[in-house]
Amino acid sequence: MRTDSNRTDRARPWPVRPAVGFLHPLEVLKDQDLDPAEKREILAAWASDASAVEHRPSQRWLLGTPAPVPLSEVLSALSRLDRDARS
């Protein structure tokens, strides 16, 4: 999701977009076409309660992904993104 530098910061609908093509949160981190902010948006949407699987609160299933993943793996990917940003 590339935007031009003249873009104004406006609230976007949630979620930003489906995570089509991602099987696991670590794949979001490895995607070279996404900048860190875009990666954070996707991972945050994946971690959101809106992506929780009914009757399985420890699982998240983001629109566009083929199967649920453990919330712990999504949070781990977010932590890794933060560590990479600090280094």
N, C-alpha and C. Protein backbone atom coordinates (compact mmCIF):
# COMPACT_ATOMS: atom_id res chain seq x y z
N MET A 1 0.85 -1.16 0.00
CA MET A 1 0.00 0.00 0.00
C MET A 1 0.90 1.23 0.00
N ARG A 2 1.33 1.66 -1.11
CA ARG A 2 2.17 2.84 -1.23
C ARG A 2 1.29 4.08 -1.33
N THR A 3 1.75 5.12 -0.70
CA THR A 3 1.03 6.38 -0.79
C THR A 3 2.02 7.46 -1.16
N ASP A 4 1.53 8.57 -1.75
CA ASP A 4 2.46 9.63 -2.09
C ASP A 4 2.73 10.51 -0.87
N SER A 5 3.79 11.31 -0.95
CA SER A 5 4.21 12.10 0.19
C SER A 5 3.27 13.25 0.51
N ASN A 6 2.34 13.57 -0.38
CA ASN A 6 1.38 14.65 -0.14
C ASN A 6 0.12 14.17 0.56
N ARG A 7 0.09 12.92 0.93
CA ARG A 7 -1.08 12.33 1.59
C ARG A 7 -1.31 12.99 2.94
N THR A 8 -2.55 13.27 3.25
CA THR A 8 -2.87 13.75 4.59
C THR A 8 -3.23 12.57 5.45
N ASP A 9 -2.92 12.65 6.73
CA ASP A 9 -3.23 11.56 7.64
C ASP A 9 -4.71 11.62 8.00
N ARG A 10 -5.46 10.69 7.49
CA ARG A 10 -6.89 10.57 7.78
C ARG A 10 -7.15 9.19 8.32
N ALA A 11 -8.16 9.08 9.14
CA ALA A 11 -8.52 7.77 9.67
C ALA A 11 -8.94 6.87 8.52
N ARG A 12 -8.46 5.64 8.58
CA ARG A 12 -8.82 4.65 7.56
C ARG A 12 -9.83 3.68 8.16
N PRO A 13 -10.65 3.08 7.32
CA PRO A 13 -11.57 2.06 7.84
C PRO A 13 -10.78 0.89 8.40
N TRP A 14 -11.31 0.24 9.40
CA TRP A 14 -10.65 -0.91 10.04
C TRP A 14 -11.30 -2.18 9.58
N PRO A 15 -10.63 -3.21 9.21
CA PRO A 15 -9.19 -3.26 9.04
C PRO A 15 -8.75 -2.54 7.77
N VAL A 16 -7.48 -2.24 7.70
CA VAL A 16 -6.95 -1.47 6.58
C VAL A 16 -7.20 -2.19 5.27
N ARG A 17 -6.91 -3.48 5.26
CA ARG A 17 -7.12 -4.30 4.07
C ARG A 17 -6.97 -5.76 4.47
N PRO A 18 -7.49 -6.65 3.71
CA PRO A 18 -7.30 -8.07 4.02
C PRO A 18 -5.83 -8.44 3.85
N ALA A 19 -5.42 -9.46 4.54
CA ALA A 19 -4.03 -9.92 4.47
C ALA A 19 -3.90 -11.04 3.45
N VAL A 20 -4.39 -10.81 2.27
CA VAL A 20 -4.37 -11.83 1.22
C VAL A 20 -2.93 -12.24 0.92
N GLY A 21 -2.71 -13.54 0.90
CA GLY A 21 -1.40 -14.07 0.55
C GLY A 21 -0.51 -14.37 1.74
N PHE A 22 -0.89 -13.96 2.94
CA PHE A 22 -0.09 -14.24 4.12
C PHE A 22 -0.65 -15.46 4.85
N LEU A 23 0.21 -16.44 5.09
CA LEU A 23 -0.19 -17.63 5.83
C LEU A 23 0.12 -17.49 7.32
N HIS A 24 1.10 -16.64 7.63
CA HIS A 24 1.58 -16.52 9.00
C HIS A 24 2.07 -15.09 9.23
N PRO A 25 1.99 -14.59 10.46
CA PRO A 25 2.45 -13.23 10.73
C PRO A 25 3.91 -12.97 10.35
N LEU A 26 4.77 -13.97 10.44
CA LEU A 26 6.17 -13.77 10.07
C LEU A 26 6.32 -13.44 8.59
N GLU A 27 5.39 -13.89 7.77
CA GLU A 27 5.43 -13.55 6.35
C GLU A 27 5.20 -12.06 6.13
N VAL A 28 4.43 -11.44 7.02
CA VAL A 28 4.22 -10.00 6.93
C VAL A 28 5.56 -9.29 7.17
N LEU A 29 6.31 -9.76 8.18
CA LEU A 29 7.60 -9.16 8.48
C LEU A 29 8.58 -9.29 7.33
N LYS A 30 8.51 -10.37 6.59
CA LYS A 30 9.45 -10.63 5.50
C LYS A 30 9.08 -9.93 4.20
N ASP A 31 7.87 -9.39 4.11
CA ASP A 31 7.41 -8.77 2.87
C ASP A 31 8.19 -7.49 2.60
N GLN A 32 8.97 -7.48 1.53
CA GLN A 32 9.82 -6.34 1.18
C GLN A 32 9.04 -5.18 0.57
N ASP A 33 7.80 -5.40 0.17
CA ASP A 33 7.00 -4.35 -0.45
C ASP A 33 6.26 -3.50 0.58
N LEU A 34 6.27 -3.92 1.84
CA LEU A 34 5.57 -3.18 2.89
C LEU A 34 6.57 -2.40 3.73
N ASP A 35 6.20 -1.18 4.09
CA ASP A 35 7.05 -0.44 5.01
C ASP A 35 6.65 -0.82 6.44
N PRO A 36 7.44 -0.44 7.45
CA PRO A 36 7.14 -0.84 8.83
C PRO A 36 5.74 -0.42 9.30
N ALA A 37 5.28 0.74 8.89
CA ALA A 37 3.94 1.18 9.31
C ALA A 37 2.85 0.28 8.72
N GLU A 38 3.02 -0.12 7.48
CA GLU A 38 2.04 -1.01 6.84
C GLU A 38 2.06 -2.39 7.50
N LYS A 39 3.25 -2.87 7.84
CA LYS A 39 3.36 -4.15 8.53
C LYS A 39 2.65 -4.07 9.88
N ARG A 40 2.86 -2.97 10.60
CA ARG A 40 2.23 -2.79 11.90
C ARG A 40 0.71 -2.78 11.77
N GLU A 41 0.19 -2.11 10.74
CA GLU A 41 -1.27 -2.06 10.54
C GLU A 41 -1.84 -3.45 10.33
N ILE A 42 -1.18 -4.25 9.50
CA ILE A 42 -1.67 -5.60 9.22
C ILE A 42 -1.59 -6.45 10.48
N LEU A 43 -0.46 -6.41 11.17
CA LEU A 43 -0.30 -7.22 12.38
C LEU A 43 -1.25 -6.77 13.49
N ALA A 44 -1.46 -5.47 13.62
CA ALA A 44 -2.40 -4.98 14.64
C ALA A 44 -3.83 -5.43 14.33
N ALA A 45 -4.19 -5.41 13.06
CA ALA A 45 -5.52 -5.90 12.67
C ALA A 45 -5.64 -7.39 12.98
N TRP A 46 -4.56 -8.12 12.75
CA TRP A 46 -4.55 -9.56 13.01
C TRP A 46 -4.68 -9.84 14.50
N ALA A 47 -4.05 -9.00 15.34
CA ALA A 47 -4.09 -9.19 16.79
C ALA A 47 -5.40 -8.70 17.40
N SER A 48 -6.11 -7.88 16.68
CA SER A 48 -7.34 -7.27 17.19
C SER A 48 -8.38 -8.30 17.61
N ASP A 49 -9.18 -7.92 18.60
CA ASP A 49 -10.30 -8.76 19.01
C ASP A 49 -11.28 -8.97 17.86
N ALA A 50 -11.29 -8.05 16.90
CA ALA A 50 -12.18 -8.20 15.74
C ALA A 50 -11.80 -9.42 14.90
N SER A 51 -10.56 -9.89 15.05
CA SER A 51 -10.10 -11.07 14.31
C SER A 51 -10.13 -12.34 15.16
N ALA A 52 -10.66 -12.24 16.37
CA ALA A 52 -10.71 -13.41 17.26
C ALA A 52 -11.66 -14.46 16.70
N VAL A 53 -11.28 -15.70 16.89
CA VAL A 53 -12.11 -16.83 16.46
C VAL A 53 -13.12 -17.12 17.57
N GLU A 54 -14.38 -17.20 17.19
CA GLU A 54 -15.44 -17.45 18.16
C GLU A 54 -15.16 -18.75 18.93
N HIS A 55 -15.28 -18.67 20.23
CA HIS A 55 -15.07 -19.79 21.15
C HIS A 55 -13.62 -20.24 21.24
N ARG A 56 -12.71 -19.51 20.60
CA ARG A 56 -11.27 -19.80 20.70
C ARG A 56 -10.53 -18.46 20.80
N PRO A 57 -10.59 -17.81 21.95
CA PRO A 57 -10.04 -16.46 22.09
C PRO A 57 -8.53 -16.36 21.90
N SER A 58 -7.83 -17.46 21.94
CA SER A 58 -6.38 -17.42 21.73
C SER A 58 -6.00 -17.55 20.26
N GLN A 59 -6.99 -17.61 19.38
CA GLN A 59 -6.76 -17.73 17.94
C GLN A 59 -7.24 -16.46 17.24
N ARG A 60 -6.52 -16.08 16.19
CA ARG A 60 -6.93 -14.94 15.37
C ARG A 60 -6.97 -15.36 13.91
N TRP A 61 -8.01 -14.94 13.21
CA TRP A 61 -8.19 -15.27 11.80
C TRP A 61 -8.49 -13.98 11.06
N LEU A 62 -7.48 -13.44 10.40
CA LEU A 62 -7.60 -12.17 9.70
C LEU A 62 -8.19 -12.39 8.32
N LEU A 63 -9.09 -11.53 7.94
CA LEU A 63 -9.69 -11.58 6.61
C LEU A 63 -8.60 -11.67 5.55
N GLY A 64 -8.71 -12.64 4.67
CA GLY A 64 -7.74 -12.83 3.60
C GLY A 64 -6.71 -13.90 3.88
N THR A 65 -6.70 -14.42 5.11
CA THR A 65 -5.76 -15.50 5.43
C THR A 65 -6.50 -16.82 5.41
N PRO A 66 -5.80 -17.93 5.09
CA PRO A 66 -6.49 -19.20 4.92
C PRO A 66 -6.90 -19.91 6.20
N ALA A 67 -6.28 -19.56 7.34
CA ALA A 67 -6.57 -20.28 8.58
C ALA A 67 -6.20 -19.41 9.78
N PRO A 68 -6.76 -19.74 10.93
CA PRO A 68 -6.39 -18.99 12.13
C PRO A 68 -4.97 -19.31 12.58
N VAL A 69 -4.39 -18.38 13.33
CA VAL A 69 -3.08 -18.58 13.94
C VAL A 69 -3.18 -18.20 15.41
N PRO A 70 -2.29 -18.72 16.23
CA PRO A 70 -2.31 -18.34 17.65
C PRO A 70 -2.00 -16.85 17.83
N LEU A 71 -2.73 -16.20 18.72
CA LEU A 71 -2.49 -14.80 19.02
C LEU A 71 -1.05 -14.58 19.46
N SER A 72 -0.49 -15.54 20.19
CA SER A 72 0.89 -15.40 20.66
C SER A 72 1.87 -15.22 19.50
N GLU A 73 1.61 -15.84 18.36
CA GLU A 73 2.49 -15.70 17.20
C GLU A 73 2.34 -14.33 16.54
N VAL A 74 1.15 -13.78 16.57
CA VAL A 74 0.94 -12.44 16.05
C VAL A 74 1.65 -11.42 16.94
N LEU A 75 1.49 -11.57 18.25
CA LEU A 75 2.14 -10.66 19.19
C LEU A 75 3.66 -10.78 19.11
N SER A 76 4.15 -11.97 18.89
CA SER A 76 5.59 -12.18 18.72
C SER A 76 6.10 -11.43 17.48
N ALA A 77 5.35 -11.47 16.40
CA ALA A 77 5.74 -10.75 15.19
C ALA A 77 5.74 -9.24 15.43
N LEU A 78 4.76 -8.74 16.17
CA LEU A 78 4.73 -7.32 16.51
C LEU A 78 5.94 -6.93 17.36
N SER A 79 6.31 -7.77 18.31
CA SER A 79 7.49 -7.51 19.14
C SER A 79 8.76 -7.48 18.29
N ARG A 80 8.84 -8.41 17.38
CA ARG A 80 10.01 -8.45 16.49
C ARG A 80 10.09 -7.20 15.63
N LEU A 81 8.95 -6.73 15.13
CA LEU A 81 8.91 -5.50 14.35
C LEU A 81 9.42 -4.33 15.20
N ASP A 82 9.00 -4.27 16.46
CA ASP A 82 9.46 -3.21 17.35
C ASP A 82 10.97 -3.30 17.59
N ARG A 83 11.48 -4.50 17.81
CA ARG A 83 12.93 -4.68 18.02
C ARG A 83 13.71 -4.25 16.78
N ASP A 84 13.22 -4.63 15.62
CA ASP A 84 13.91 -4.25 14.38
C ASP A 84 13.91 -2.73 14.19
N ALA A 85 12.85 -2.08 14.60
CA ALA A 85 12.74 -0.63 14.45
C ALA A 85 13.73 0.09 15.37
N ARG A 86 14.00 -0.50 16.52
CA ARG A 86 14.94 0.12 17.47
C ARG A 86 16.39 -0.10 17.10
N SER A 87 16.68 -1.12 16.28
CA SER A 87 18.08 -1.39 15.95
C SER A 87 18.55 -0.70 14.70
